[in-house]
Amino acid sequence: MTDITRLHSGARMSQIVMHGDTIYLAGQVGTRGASVAQQTQDCLDKVDALLAEVGSDKTRILQTTIWLADMADFEEMNAVWDAWVPEGNAPARACGEAKLAFPDFLVEFLVTAAKA
């Protein structure tokens, strides 16, 4: 049976959960009150750091779910995403509108990746 490893755990959640060769990241949010572009970059920087911590990287992302507080921000978010995602390694992806935890959060990323 494969063990489950949890990192950066608190009472409510873990930032990283690993099971077998799969890495699950908690939803990543950016700087409250910043622009959608800045919050998106903040999220992606956190994803990079968390994956690096467990020896993986963005080329190993399997799936990403993106929640926007307002779909009117779709193009602004995509401009940052498109510059970040490695050519030839785009993951399966979904994006939708959702009410996020705080009104000044504009975007949240949920990532599942494979170990390197």
PDB file of N, CA and C in Angstrom:
ATOM      1  N   MET A   1       0.844  -1.185   0.000  1.00  0.00           N
ATOM      2  CA  MET A   1       0.000   0.000   0.000  1.00  0.00           C
ATOM      3  C   MET A   1       0.885   1.243   0.000  1.00  0.00           C
ATOM      4  N   THR A   2       0.498   2.228  -0.780  1.00  0.00           N
ATOM      5  CA  THR A   2       1.260   3.455  -0.909  1.00  0.00           C
ATOM      6  C   THR A   2       0.949   4.399   0.244  1.00  0.00           C
ATOM      7  N   ASP A   3       2.015   4.948   0.813  1.00  0.00           N
ATOM      8  CA  ASP A   3       1.850   5.908   1.899  1.00  0.00           C
ATOM      9  C   ASP A   3       1.385   7.257   1.360  1.00  0.00           C
ATOM     10  N   ILE A   4       0.756   8.008   2.231  1.00  0.00           N
ATOM     11  CA  ILE A   4       0.351   9.378   1.930  1.00  0.00           C
ATOM     12  C   ILE A   4       1.258  10.297   2.733  1.00  0.00           C
ATOM     13  N   THR A   5       1.866  11.272   2.053  1.00  0.00           N
ATOM     14  CA  THR A   5       2.738  12.253   2.702  1.00  0.00           C
ATOM     15  C   THR A   5       2.066  13.609   2.617  1.00  0.00           C
ATOM     16  N   ARG A   6       2.018  14.302   3.744  1.00  0.00           N
ATOM     17  CA  ARG A   6       1.408  15.634   3.804  1.00  0.00           C
ATOM     18  C   ARG A   6       2.459  16.633   4.293  1.00  0.00           C
ATOM     19  N   LEU A   7       2.581  17.749   3.580  1.00  0.00           N
ATOM     20  CA  LEU A   7       3.564  18.779   3.934  1.00  0.00           C
ATOM     21  C   LEU A   7       2.862  20.116   4.152  1.00  0.00           C
ATOM     22  N   HIS A   8       3.445  20.902   5.052  1.00  0.00           N
ATOM     23  CA  HIS A   8       2.884  22.216   5.392  1.00  0.00           C
ATOM     24  C   HIS A   8       1.424  22.051   5.816  1.00  0.00           C
ATOM     25  N   SER A   9       1.228  21.173   6.767  1.00  0.00           N
ATOM     26  CA  SER A   9      -0.117  20.839   7.229  1.00  0.00           C
ATOM     27  C   SER A   9      -0.535  21.685   8.416  1.00  0.00           C
ATOM     28  N   GLY A  10      -1.788  22.032   8.421  1.00  0.00           N
ATOM     29  CA  GLY A  10      -2.401  22.706   9.551  1.00  0.00           C
ATOM     30  C   GLY A  10      -3.659  21.951   9.917  1.00  0.00           C
ATOM     31  N   ALA A  11      -4.443  22.519  10.790  1.00  0.00           N
ATOM     32  CA  ALA A  11      -5.678  21.866  11.213  1.00  0.00           C
ATOM     33  C   ALA A  11      -6.680  21.742  10.068  1.00  0.00           C
ATOM     34  N   ARG A  12      -6.638  22.673   9.118  1.00  0.00           N
ATOM     35  CA  ARG A  12      -7.630  22.718   8.049  1.00  0.00           C
ATOM     36  C   ARG A  12      -7.168  22.045   6.768  1.00  0.00           C
ATOM     37  N   MET A  13      -5.885  22.161   6.422  1.00  0.00           N
ATOM     38  CA  MET A  13      -5.430  21.612   5.148  1.00  0.00           C
ATOM     39  C   MET A  13      -3.915  21.476   5.124  1.00  0.00           C
ATOM     40  N   SER A  14      -3.451  20.758   4.106  1.00  0.00           N
ATOM     41  CA  SER A  14      -2.028  20.629   3.801  1.00  0.00           C
ATOM     42  C   SER A  14      -1.781  21.338   2.479  1.00  0.00           C
ATOM     43  N   GLN A  15      -0.637  21.976   2.349  1.00  0.00           N
ATOM     44  CA  GLN A  15      -0.305  22.634   1.087  1.00  0.00           C
ATOM     45  C   GLN A  15       0.081  21.625   0.002  1.00  0.00           C
ATOM     46  N   ILE A  16       0.693  20.505   0.427  1.00  0.00           N
ATOM     47  CA  ILE A  16       1.105  19.455  -0.503  1.00  0.00           C
ATOM     48  C   ILE A  16       0.666  18.126   0.068  1.00  0.00           C
ATOM     49  N   VAL A  17       0.044  17.281  -0.759  1.00  0.00           N
ATOM     50  CA  VAL A  17      -0.266  15.902  -0.394  1.00  0.00           C
ATOM     51  C   VAL A  17       0.259  15.033  -1.531  1.00  0.00           C
ATOM     52  N   MET A  18       1.044  14.014  -1.168  1.00  0.00           N
ATOM     53  CA  MET A  18       1.585  13.100  -2.165  1.00  0.00           C
ATOM     54  C   MET A  18       1.089  11.694  -1.880  1.00  0.00           C
ATOM     55  N   HIS A  19       0.686  11.017  -2.948  1.00  0.00           N
ATOM     56  CA  HIS A  19       0.235   9.628  -2.868  1.00  0.00           C
ATOM     57  C   HIS A  19       0.746   8.926  -4.118  1.00  0.00           C
ATOM     58  N   GLY A  20       1.548   7.902  -3.939  1.00  0.00           N
ATOM     59  CA  GLY A  20       2.150   7.259  -5.093  1.00  0.00           C
ATOM     60  C   GLY A  20       2.988   8.263  -5.861  1.00  0.00           C
ATOM     61  N   ASP A  21       2.765   8.355  -7.159  1.00  0.00           N
ATOM     62  CA  ASP A  21       3.507   9.284  -7.998  1.00  0.00           C
ATOM     63  C   ASP A  21       2.723  10.556  -8.305  1.00  0.00           C
ATOM     64  N   THR A  22       1.713  10.834  -7.482  1.00  0.00           N
ATOM     65  CA  THR A  22       0.864  11.995  -7.723  1.00  0.00           C
ATOM     66  C   THR A  22       1.014  13.021  -6.603  1.00  0.00           C
ATOM     67  N   ILE A  23       1.096  14.286  -7.005  1.00  0.00           N
ATOM     68  CA  ILE A  23       1.233  15.419  -6.088  1.00  0.00           C
ATOM     69  C   ILE A  23      -0.026  16.272  -6.207  1.00  0.00           C
ATOM     70  N   TYR A  24      -0.650  16.548  -5.090  1.00  0.00           N
ATOM     71  CA  TYR A  24      -1.839  17.398  -5.034  1.00  0.00           C
ATOM     72  C   TYR A  24      -1.466  18.661  -4.264  1.00  0.00           C
ATOM     73  N   LEU A  25      -1.714  19.814  -4.852  1.00  0.00           N
ATOM     74  CA  LEU A  25      -1.474  21.074  -4.158  1.00  0.00           C
ATOM     75  C   LEU A  25      -2.796  21.669  -3.705  1.00  0.00           C
ATOM     76  N   ALA A  26      -2.774  22.305  -2.533  1.00  0.00           N
ATOM     77  CA  ALA A  26      -3.941  23.058  -2.076  1.00  0.00           C
ATOM     78  C   ALA A  26      -4.160  24.217  -3.031  1.00  0.00           C
ATOM     79  N   GLY A  27      -5.345  24.789  -3.014  1.00  0.00           N
ATOM     80  CA  GLY A  27      -5.620  25.958  -3.839  1.00  0.00           C
ATOM     81  C   GLY A  27      -4.658  27.084  -3.493  1.00  0.00           C
ATOM     82  N   GLN A  28      -4.080  27.683  -4.515  1.00  0.00           N
ATOM     83  CA  GLN A  28      -3.105  28.763  -4.328  1.00  0.00           C
ATOM     84  C   GLN A  28      -3.736  30.086  -4.721  1.00  0.00           C
ATOM     85  N   VAL A  29      -3.585  31.065  -3.856  1.00  0.00           N
ATOM     86  CA  VAL A  29      -4.114  32.402  -4.103  1.00  0.00           C
ATOM     87  C   VAL A  29      -2.969  33.404  -4.058  1.00  0.00           C
ATOM     88  N   GLY A  30      -3.210  34.581  -4.609  1.00  0.00           N
ATOM     89  CA  GLY A  30      -2.190  35.610  -4.662  1.00  0.00           C
ATOM     90  C   GLY A  30      -2.378  36.677  -3.597  1.00  0.00           C
ATOM     91  N   THR A  31      -1.748  37.796  -3.817  1.00  0.00           N
ATOM     92  CA  THR A  31      -1.795  38.918  -2.887  1.00  0.00           C
ATOM     93  C   THR A  31      -3.178  39.562  -2.934  1.00  0.00           C
ATOM     94  N   ARG A  32      -3.837  39.569  -1.787  1.00  0.00           N
ATOM     95  CA  ARG A  32      -5.188  40.140  -1.710  1.00  0.00           C
ATOM     96  C   ARG A  32      -5.178  41.589  -2.166  1.00  0.00           C
ATOM     97  N   GLY A  33      -6.123  41.917  -3.034  1.00  0.00           N
ATOM     98  CA  GLY A  33      -6.274  43.281  -3.501  1.00  0.00           C
ATOM     99  C   GLY A  33      -5.429  43.638  -4.716  1.00  0.00           C
ATOM    100  N   ALA A  34      -4.496  42.766  -5.106  1.00  0.00           N
ATOM    101  CA  ALA A  34      -3.679  43.027  -6.297  1.00  0.00           C
ATOM    102  C   ALA A  34      -4.509  42.767  -7.555  1.00  0.00           C
ATOM    103  N   SER A  35      -3.973  43.143  -8.698  1.00  0.00           N
ATOM    104  CA  SER A  35      -4.653  42.910  -9.970  1.00  0.00           C
ATOM    105  C   SER A  35      -4.752  41.409 -10.246  1.00  0.00           C
ATOM    106  N   VAL A  36      -5.622  41.043 -11.168  1.00  0.00           N
ATOM    107  CA  VAL A  36      -5.739  39.635 -11.563  1.00  0.00           C
ATOM    108  C   VAL A  36      -4.400  39.129 -12.097  1.00  0.00           C
ATOM    109  N   ALA A  37      -3.727  39.942 -12.903  1.00  0.00           N
ATOM    110  CA  ALA A  37      -2.431  39.528 -13.452  1.00  0.00           C
ATOM    111  C   ALA A  37      -1.437  39.254 -12.329  1.00  0.00           C
ATOM    112  N   GLN A  38      -1.351  40.143 -11.356  1.00  0.00           N
ATOM    113  CA  GLN A  38      -0.409  39.943 -10.248  1.00  0.00           C
ATOM    114  C   GLN A  38      -0.804  38.750  -9.400  1.00  0.00           C
ATOM    115  N   GLN A  39      -2.093  38.598  -9.098  1.00  0.00           N
ATOM    116  CA  GLN A  39      -2.524  37.443  -8.311  1.00  0.00           C
ATOM    117  C   GLN A  39      -2.238  36.141  -9.057  1.00  0.00           C
ATOM    118  N   THR A  40      -2.441  36.149 -10.377  1.00  0.00           N
ATOM    119  CA  THR A  40      -2.135  34.945 -11.163  1.00  0.00           C
ATOM    120  C   THR A  40      -0.657  34.628 -11.076  1.00  0.00           C
ATOM    121  N   GLN A  41       0.192  35.633 -11.244  1.00  0.00           N
ATOM    122  CA  GLN A  41       1.645  35.394 -11.154  1.00  0.00           C
ATOM    123  C   GLN A  41       2.032  34.903  -9.767  1.00  0.00           C
ATOM    124  N   ASP A  42       1.441  35.490  -8.730  1.00  0.00           N
ATOM    125  CA  ASP A  42       1.702  35.028  -7.360  1.00  0.00           C
ATOM    126  C   ASP A  42       1.358  33.547  -7.211  1.00  0.00           C
ATOM    127  N   CYS A  43       0.191  33.160  -7.722  1.00  0.00           N
ATOM    128  CA  CYS A  43      -0.240  31.762  -7.641  1.00  0.00           C
ATOM    129  C   CYS A  43       0.744  30.853  -8.348  1.00  0.00           C
ATOM    130  N   LEU A  44       1.135  31.225  -9.537  1.00  0.00           N
ATOM    131  CA  LEU A  44       2.035  30.383 -10.329  1.00  0.00           C
ATOM    132  C   LEU A  44       3.419  30.310  -9.700  1.00  0.00           C
ATOM    133  N   ASP A  45       3.880  31.391  -9.081  1.00  0.00           N
ATOM    134  CA  ASP A  45       5.151  31.361  -8.349  1.00  0.00           C
ATOM    135  C   ASP A  45       5.071  30.383  -7.181  1.00  0.00           C
ATOM    136  N   LYS A  46       3.944  30.375  -6.476  1.00  0.00           N
ATOM    137  CA  LYS A  46       3.759  29.433  -5.369  1.00  0.00           C
ATOM    138  C   LYS A  46       3.729  27.997  -5.879  1.00  0.00           C
ATOM    139  N   VAL A  47       3.052  27.762  -6.995  1.00  0.00           N
ATOM    140  CA  VAL A  47       3.015  26.426  -7.594  1.00  0.00           C
ATOM    141  C   VAL A  47       4.436  25.977  -7.923  1.00  0.00           C
ATOM    142  N   ASP A  48       5.212  26.842  -8.566  1.00  0.00           N
ATOM    143  CA  ASP A  48       6.608  26.511  -8.884  1.00  0.00           C
ATOM    144  C   ASP A  48       7.385  26.126  -7.636  1.00  0.00           C
ATOM    145  N   ALA A  49       7.258  26.913  -6.584  1.00  0.00           N
ATOM    146  CA  ALA A  49       8.011  26.664  -5.347  1.00  0.00           C
ATOM    147  C   ALA A  49       7.581  25.361  -4.682  1.00  0.00           C
ATOM    148  N   LEU A  50       6.291  25.116  -4.605  1.00  0.00           N
ATOM    149  CA  LEU A  50       5.813  23.887  -3.957  1.00  0.00           C
ATOM    150  C   LEU A  50       6.231  22.648  -4.746  1.00  0.00           C
ATOM    151  N   LEU A  51       6.119  22.700  -6.063  1.00  0.00           N
ATOM    152  CA  LEU A  51       6.538  21.550  -6.874  1.00  0.00           C
ATOM    153  C   LEU A  51       8.045  21.324  -6.758  1.00  0.00           C
ATOM    154  N   ALA A  52       8.829  22.387  -6.760  1.00  0.00           N
ATOM    155  CA  ALA A  52      10.283  22.257  -6.606  1.00  0.00           C
ATOM    156  C   ALA A  52      10.635  21.618  -5.277  1.00  0.00           C
ATOM    157  N   GLU A  53       9.882  21.959  -4.251  1.00  0.00           N
ATOM    158  CA  GLU A  53      10.138  21.408  -2.920  1.00  0.00           C
ATOM    159  C   GLU A  53      10.060  19.881  -2.901  1.00  0.00           C
ATOM    160  N   VAL A  54       9.220  19.314  -3.754  1.00  0.00           N
ATOM    161  CA  VAL A  54       9.068  17.854  -3.779  1.00  0.00           C
ATOM    162  C   VAL A  54       9.702  17.246  -5.030  1.00  0.00           C
ATOM    163  N   GLY A  55      10.602  18.008  -5.662  1.00  0.00           N
ATOM    164  CA  GLY A  55      11.377  17.483  -6.769  1.00  0.00           C
ATOM    165  C   GLY A  55      10.635  17.380  -8.084  1.00  0.00           C
ATOM    166  N   SER A  56       9.637  18.216  -8.288  1.00  0.00           N
ATOM    167  CA  SER A  56       8.887  18.206  -9.536  1.00  0.00           C
ATOM    168  C   SER A  56       8.912  19.617 -10.121  1.00  0.00           C
ATOM    169  N   ASP A  57       8.190  19.820 -11.210  1.00  0.00           N
ATOM    170  CA  ASP A  57       8.120  21.149 -11.813  1.00  0.00           C
ATOM    171  C   ASP A  57       6.885  21.250 -12.705  1.00  0.00           C
ATOM    172  N   LYS A  58       6.701  22.428 -13.298  1.00  0.00           N
ATOM    173  CA  LYS A  58       5.487  22.696 -14.058  1.00  0.00           C
ATOM    174  C   LYS A  58       5.351  21.844 -15.319  1.00  0.00           C
ATOM    175  N   THR A  59       6.422  21.232 -15.791  1.00  0.00           N
ATOM    176  CA  THR A  59       6.297  20.337 -16.945  1.00  0.00           C
ATOM    177  C   THR A  59       5.614  19.034 -16.574  1.00  0.00           C
ATOM    178  N   ARG A  60       5.446  18.781 -15.281  1.00  0.00           N
ATOM    179  CA  ARG A  60       4.850  17.536 -14.781  1.00  0.00           C
ATOM    180  C   ARG A  60       3.406  17.730 -14.324  1.00  0.00           C
ATOM    181  N   ILE A  61       2.833  18.931 -14.525  1.00  0.00           N
ATOM    182  CA  ILE A  61       1.456  19.179 -14.111  1.00  0.00           C
ATOM    183  C   ILE A  61       0.509  18.379 -14.998  1.00  0.00           C
ATOM    184  N   LEU A  62      -0.383  17.656 -14.345  1.00  0.00           N
ATOM    185  CA  LEU A  62      -1.369  16.840 -15.036  1.00  0.00           C
ATOM    186  C   LEU A  62      -2.654  17.613 -15.300  1.00  0.00           C
ATOM    187  N   GLN A  63      -3.090  18.353 -14.273  1.00  0.00           N
ATOM    188  CA  GLN A  63      -4.379  19.037 -14.350  1.00  0.00           C
ATOM    189  C   GLN A  63      -4.352  20.295 -13.507  1.00  0.00           C
ATOM    190  N   THR A  64      -4.999  21.329 -14.018  1.00  0.00           N
ATOM    191  CA  THR A  64      -5.148  22.578 -13.274  1.00  0.00           C
ATOM    192  C   THR A  64      -6.603  23.029 -13.353  1.00  0.00           C
ATOM    193  N   THR A  65      -7.146  23.376 -12.196  1.00  0.00           N
ATOM    194  CA  THR A  65      -8.462  23.995 -12.135  1.00  0.00           C
ATOM    195  C   THR A  65      -8.254  25.429 -11.681  1.00  0.00           C
ATOM    196  N   ILE A  66      -8.833  26.362 -12.421  1.00  0.00           N
ATOM    197  CA  ILE A  66      -8.683  27.784 -12.122  1.00  0.00           C
ATOM    198  C   ILE A  66     -10.062  28.350 -11.813  1.00  0.00           C
ATOM    199  N   TRP A  67     -10.146  29.026 -10.674  1.00  0.00           N
ATOM    200  CA  TRP A  67     -11.380  29.706 -10.304  1.00  0.00           C
ATOM    201  C   TRP A  67     -11.136  31.202 -10.379  1.00  0.00           C
ATOM    202  N   LEU A  68     -11.986  31.888 -11.122  1.00  0.00           N
ATOM    203  CA  LEU A  68     -11.952  33.336 -11.204  1.00  0.00           C
ATOM    204  C   LEU A  68     -13.170  33.905 -10.479  1.00  0.00           C
ATOM    205  N   ALA A  69     -12.977  34.980  -9.750  1.00  0.00           N
ATOM    206  CA  ALA A  69     -14.106  35.633  -9.102  1.00  0.00           C
ATOM    207  C   ALA A  69     -15.043  36.241 -10.144  1.00  0.00           C
ATOM    208  N   ASP A  70     -14.487  36.581 -11.308  1.00  0.00           N
ATOM    209  CA  ASP A  70     -15.277  37.193 -12.378  1.00  0.00           C
ATOM    210  C   ASP A  70     -14.690  36.749 -13.715  1.00  0.00           C
ATOM    211  N   MET A  71     -15.494  36.093 -14.549  1.00  0.00           N
ATOM    212  CA  MET A  71     -15.003  35.612 -15.839  1.00  0.00           C
ATOM    213  C   MET A  71     -14.588  36.755 -16.763  1.00  0.00           C
ATOM    214  N   ALA A  72     -14.925  37.978 -16.430  1.00  0.00           N
ATOM    215  CA  ALA A  72     -14.456  39.126 -17.204  1.00  0.00           C
ATOM    216  C   ALA A  72     -12.933  39.241 -17.139  1.00  0.00           C
ATOM    217  N   ASP A  73     -12.313  38.591 -16.142  1.00  0.00           N
ATOM    218  CA  ASP A  73     -10.858  38.620 -15.971  1.00  0.00           C
ATOM    219  C   ASP A  73     -10.152  37.480 -16.693  1.00  0.00           C
ATOM    220  N   PHE A  74     -10.888  36.697 -17.479  1.00  0.00           N
ATOM    221  CA  PHE A  74     -10.353  35.510 -18.148  1.00  0.00           C
ATOM    222  C   PHE A  74      -9.138  35.830 -19.022  1.00  0.00           C
ATOM    223  N   GLU A  75      -9.220  36.851 -19.845  1.00  0.00           N
ATOM    224  CA  GLU A  75      -8.114  37.180 -20.758  1.00  0.00           C
ATOM    225  C   GLU A  75      -6.891  37.674 -19.998  1.00  0.00           C
ATOM    226  N   GLU A  76      -7.091  38.478 -18.960  1.00  0.00           N
ATOM    227  CA  GLU A  76      -5.958  38.981 -18.166  1.00  0.00           C
ATOM    228  C   GLU A  76      -5.239  37.829 -17.474  1.00  0.00           C
ATOM    229  N   MET A  77      -5.991  36.900 -16.912  1.00  0.00           N
ATOM    230  CA  MET A  77      -5.389  35.725 -16.281  1.00  0.00           C
ATOM    231  C   MET A  77      -4.656  34.885 -17.320  1.00  0.00           C
ATOM    232  N   ASN A  78      -5.304  34.657 -18.478  1.00  0.00           N
ATOM    233  CA  ASN A  78      -4.701  33.816 -19.519  1.00  0.00           C
ATOM    234  C   ASN A  78      -3.399  34.391 -20.059  1.00  0.00           C
ATOM    235  N   ALA A  79      -3.268  35.703 -20.105  1.00  0.00           N
ATOM    236  CA  ALA A  79      -2.025  36.307 -20.583  1.00  0.00           C
ATOM    237  C   ALA A  79      -0.848  35.876 -19.713  1.00  0.00           C
ATOM    238  N   VAL A  80      -1.057  35.832 -18.408  1.00  0.00           N
ATOM    239  CA  VAL A  80       0.005  35.398 -17.482  1.00  0.00           C
ATOM    240  C   VAL A  80       0.200  33.888 -17.582  1.00  0.00           C
ATOM    241  N   TRP A  81      -0.902  33.143 -17.596  1.00  0.00           N
ATOM    242  CA  TRP A  81      -0.841  31.679 -17.719  1.00  0.00           C
ATOM    243  C   TRP A  81      -0.090  31.265 -18.980  1.00  0.00           C
ATOM    244  N   ASP A  82      -0.452  31.863 -20.121  1.00  0.00           N
ATOM    245  CA  ASP A  82       0.151  31.484 -21.402  1.00  0.00           C
ATOM    246  C   ASP A  82       1.655  31.726 -21.419  1.00  0.00           C
ATOM    247  N   ALA A  83       2.119  32.775 -20.756  1.00  0.00           N
ATOM    248  CA  ALA A  83       3.552  33.064 -20.687  1.00  0.00           C
ATOM    249  C   ALA A  83       4.275  32.086 -19.759  1.00  0.00           C
ATOM    250  N   TRP A  84       3.549  31.486 -18.825  1.00  0.00           N
ATOM    251  CA  TRP A  84       4.142  30.601 -17.808  1.00  0.00           C
ATOM    252  C   TRP A  84       4.139  29.137 -18.214  1.00  0.00           C
ATOM    253  N   VAL A  85       3.086  28.667 -18.830  1.00  0.00           N
ATOM    254  CA  VAL A  85       2.956  27.243 -19.111  1.00  0.00           C
ATOM    255  C   VAL A  85       4.000  26.834 -20.158  1.00  0.00           C
ATOM    256  N   PRO A  86       4.747  25.739 -19.906  1.00  0.00           N
ATOM    257  CA  PRO A  86       5.804  25.341 -20.833  1.00  0.00           C
ATOM    258  C   PRO A  86       5.236  24.821 -22.161  1.00  0.00           C
ATOM    259  N   GLU A  87       5.792  25.304 -23.265  1.00  0.00           N
ATOM    260  CA  GLU A  87       5.343  24.866 -24.579  1.00  0.00           C
ATOM    261  C   GLU A  87       5.446  23.340 -24.681  1.00  0.00           C
ATOM    262  N   GLY A  88       4.379  22.727 -25.156  1.00  0.00           N
ATOM    263  CA  GLY A  88       4.347  21.278 -25.310  1.00  0.00           C
ATOM    264  C   GLY A  88       4.001  20.522 -24.039  1.00  0.00           C
ATOM    265  N   ASN A  89       3.775  21.241 -22.934  1.00  0.00           N
ATOM    266  CA  ASN A  89       3.469  20.604 -21.648  1.00  0.00           C
ATOM    267  C   ASN A  89       2.225  21.185 -20.995  1.00  0.00           C
ATOM    268  N   ALA A  90       1.292  21.672 -21.797  1.00  0.00           N
ATOM    269  CA  ALA A  90       0.067  22.226 -21.218  1.00  0.00           C
ATOM    270  C   ALA A  90      -0.738  21.106 -20.559  1.00  0.00           C
ATOM    271  N   PRO A  91      -1.172  21.315 -19.318  1.00  0.00           N
ATOM    272  CA  PRO A  91      -1.956  20.284 -18.634  1.00  0.00           C
ATOM    273  C   PRO A  91      -3.420  20.317 -19.066  1.00  0.00           C
ATOM    274  N   ALA A  92      -4.160  19.300 -18.667  1.00  0.00           N
ATOM    275  CA  ALA A  92      -5.617  19.387 -18.763  1.00  0.00           C
ATOM    276  C   ALA A  92      -6.020  20.560 -17.873  1.00  0.00           C
ATOM    277  N   ARG A  93      -7.023  21.326 -18.307  1.00  0.00           N
ATOM    278  CA  ARG A  93      -7.343  22.543 -17.567  1.00  0.00           C
ATOM    279  C   ARG A  93      -8.823  22.848 -17.644  1.00  0.00           C
ATOM    280  N   ALA A  94      -9.336  23.379 -16.541  1.00  0.00           N
ATOM    281  CA  ALA A  94     -10.700  23.905 -16.497  1.00  0.00           C
ATOM    282  C   ALA A  94     -10.632  25.265 -15.816  1.00  0.00           C
ATOM    283  N   CYS A  95     -11.538  26.154 -16.213  1.00  0.00           N
ATOM    284  CA  CYS A  95     -11.599  27.472 -15.602  1.00  0.00           C
ATOM    285  C   CYS A  95     -13.063  27.855 -15.471  1.00  0.00           C
ATOM    286  N   GLY A  96     -13.420  28.323 -14.292  1.00  0.00           N
ATOM    287  CA  GLY A  96     -14.795  28.746 -14.072  1.00  0.00           C
ATOM    288  C   GLY A  96     -14.858  29.903 -13.105  1.00  0.00           C
ATOM    289  N   GLU A  97     -16.050  30.423 -12.945  1.00  0.00           N
ATOM    290  CA  GLU A  97     -16.282  31.526 -12.022  1.00  0.00           C
ATOM    291  C   GLU A  97     -16.781  30.971 -10.703  1.00  0.00           C
ATOM    292  N   ALA A  98     -16.222  31.500  -9.608  1.00  0.00           N
ATOM    293  CA  ALA A  98     -16.619  31.042  -8.276  1.00  0.00           C
ATOM    294  C   ALA A  98     -16.474  32.190  -7.285  1.00  0.00           C
ATOM    295  N   LYS A  99     -17.279  32.148  -6.260  1.00  0.00           N
ATOM    296  CA  LYS A  99     -17.125  33.084  -5.154  1.00  0.00           C
ATOM    297  C   LYS A  99     -15.965  32.554  -4.314  1.00  0.00           C
ATOM    298  N   LEU A 100     -14.884  33.317  -4.207  1.00  0.00           N
ATOM    299  CA  LEU A 100     -13.691  32.870  -3.487  1.00  0.00           C
ATOM    300  C   LEU A 100     -13.797  33.250  -2.007  1.00  0.00           C
ATOM    301  N   ALA A 101     -12.838  32.806  -1.216  1.00  0.00           N
ATOM    302  CA  ALA A 101     -12.902  32.932   0.245  1.00  0.00           C
ATOM    303  C   ALA A 101     -13.038  34.375   0.733  1.00  0.00           C
ATOM    304  N   PHE A 102     -12.412  35.304   0.037  1.00  0.00           N
ATOM    305  CA  PHE A 102     -12.478  36.720   0.397  1.00  0.00           C
ATOM    306  C   PHE A 102     -12.737  37.532  -0.868  1.00  0.00           C
ATOM    307  N   PRO A 103     -13.470  38.630  -0.789  1.00  0.00           N
ATOM    308  CA  PRO A 103     -13.814  39.416  -1.981  1.00  0.00           C
ATOM    309  C   PRO A 103     -12.602  39.941  -2.751  1.00  0.00           C
ATOM    310  N   ASP A 104     -11.454  40.144  -2.078  1.00  0.00           N
ATOM    311  CA  ASP A 104     -10.290  40.675  -2.784  1.00  0.00           C
ATOM    312  C   ASP A 104      -9.379  39.589  -3.347  1.00  0.00           C
ATOM    313  N   PHE A 105      -9.779  38.315  -3.238  1.00  0.00           N
ATOM    314  CA  PHE A 105      -9.139  37.250  -4.005  1.00  0.00           C
ATOM    315  C   PHE A 105      -9.851  37.191  -5.348  1.00  0.00           C
ATOM    316  N   LEU A 106      -9.095  37.270  -6.422  1.00  0.00           N
ATOM    317  CA  LEU A 106      -9.670  37.306  -7.759  1.00  0.00           C
ATOM    318  C   LEU A 106      -9.462  36.020  -8.536  1.00  0.00           C
ATOM    319  N   VAL A 107      -8.491  35.196  -8.117  1.00  0.00           N
ATOM    320  CA  VAL A 107      -8.164  33.967  -8.823  1.00  0.00           C
ATOM    321  C   VAL A 107      -7.582  32.951  -7.846  1.00  0.00           C
ATOM    322  N   GLU A 108      -7.844  31.681  -8.090  1.00  0.00           N
ATOM    323  CA  GLU A 108      -7.271  30.606  -7.288  1.00  0.00           C
ATOM    324  C   GLU A 108      -6.955  29.432  -8.223  1.00  0.00           C
ATOM    325  N   PHE A 109      -5.790  28.816  -7.995  1.00  0.00           N
ATOM    326  CA  PHE A 109      -5.326  27.694  -8.808  1.00  0.00           C
ATOM    327  C   PHE A 109      -5.252  26.430  -7.976  1.00  0.00           C
ATOM    328  N   LEU A 110      -5.767  25.344  -8.520  1.00  0.00           N
ATOM    329  CA  LEU A 110      -5.701  24.026  -7.896  1.00  0.00           C
ATOM    330  C   LEU A 110      -4.955  23.126  -8.871  1.00  0.00           C
ATOM    331  N   VAL A 111      -3.841  22.527  -8.426  1.00  0.00           N
ATOM    332  CA  VAL A 111      -2.923  21.803  -9.311  1.00  0.00           C
ATOM    333  C   VAL A 111      -2.700  20.385  -8.840  1.00  0.00           C
ATOM    334  N   THR A 112      -2.706  19.450  -9.799  1.00  0.00           N
ATOM    335  CA  THR A 112      -2.316  18.064  -9.582  1.00  0.00           C
ATOM    336  C   THR A 112      -1.163  17.779 -10.543  1.00  0.00           C
ATOM    337  N   ALA A 113      -0.094  17.186 -10.024  1.00  0.00           N
ATOM    338  CA  ALA A 113       1.094  16.937 -10.840  1.00  0.00           C
ATOM    339  C   ALA A 113       1.656  15.545 -10.575  1.00  0.00           C
ATOM    340  N   ALA A 114       2.529  15.126 -11.450  1.00  0.00           N
ATOM    341  CA  ALA A 114       3.219  13.851 -11.303  1.00  0.00           C
ATOM    342  C   ALA A 114       4.611  14.109 -10.704  1.00  0.00           C
ATOM    343  N   LYS A 115       5.089  13.150  -9.934  1.00  0.00           N
ATOM    344  CA  LYS A 115       6.459  13.252  -9.447  1.00  0.00           C
ATOM    345  C   LYS A 115       7.407  13.143 -10.621  1.00  0.00           C
ATOM    346  N   ALA A 116       8.557  13.758 -10.471  1.00  0.00           N
ATOM    347  CA  ALA A 116       9.571  13.703 -11.536  1.00  0.00           C
ATOM    348  C   ALA A 116      10.275  12.361 -11.523  1.00  0.00           C
TER     349      ALA A 116
END
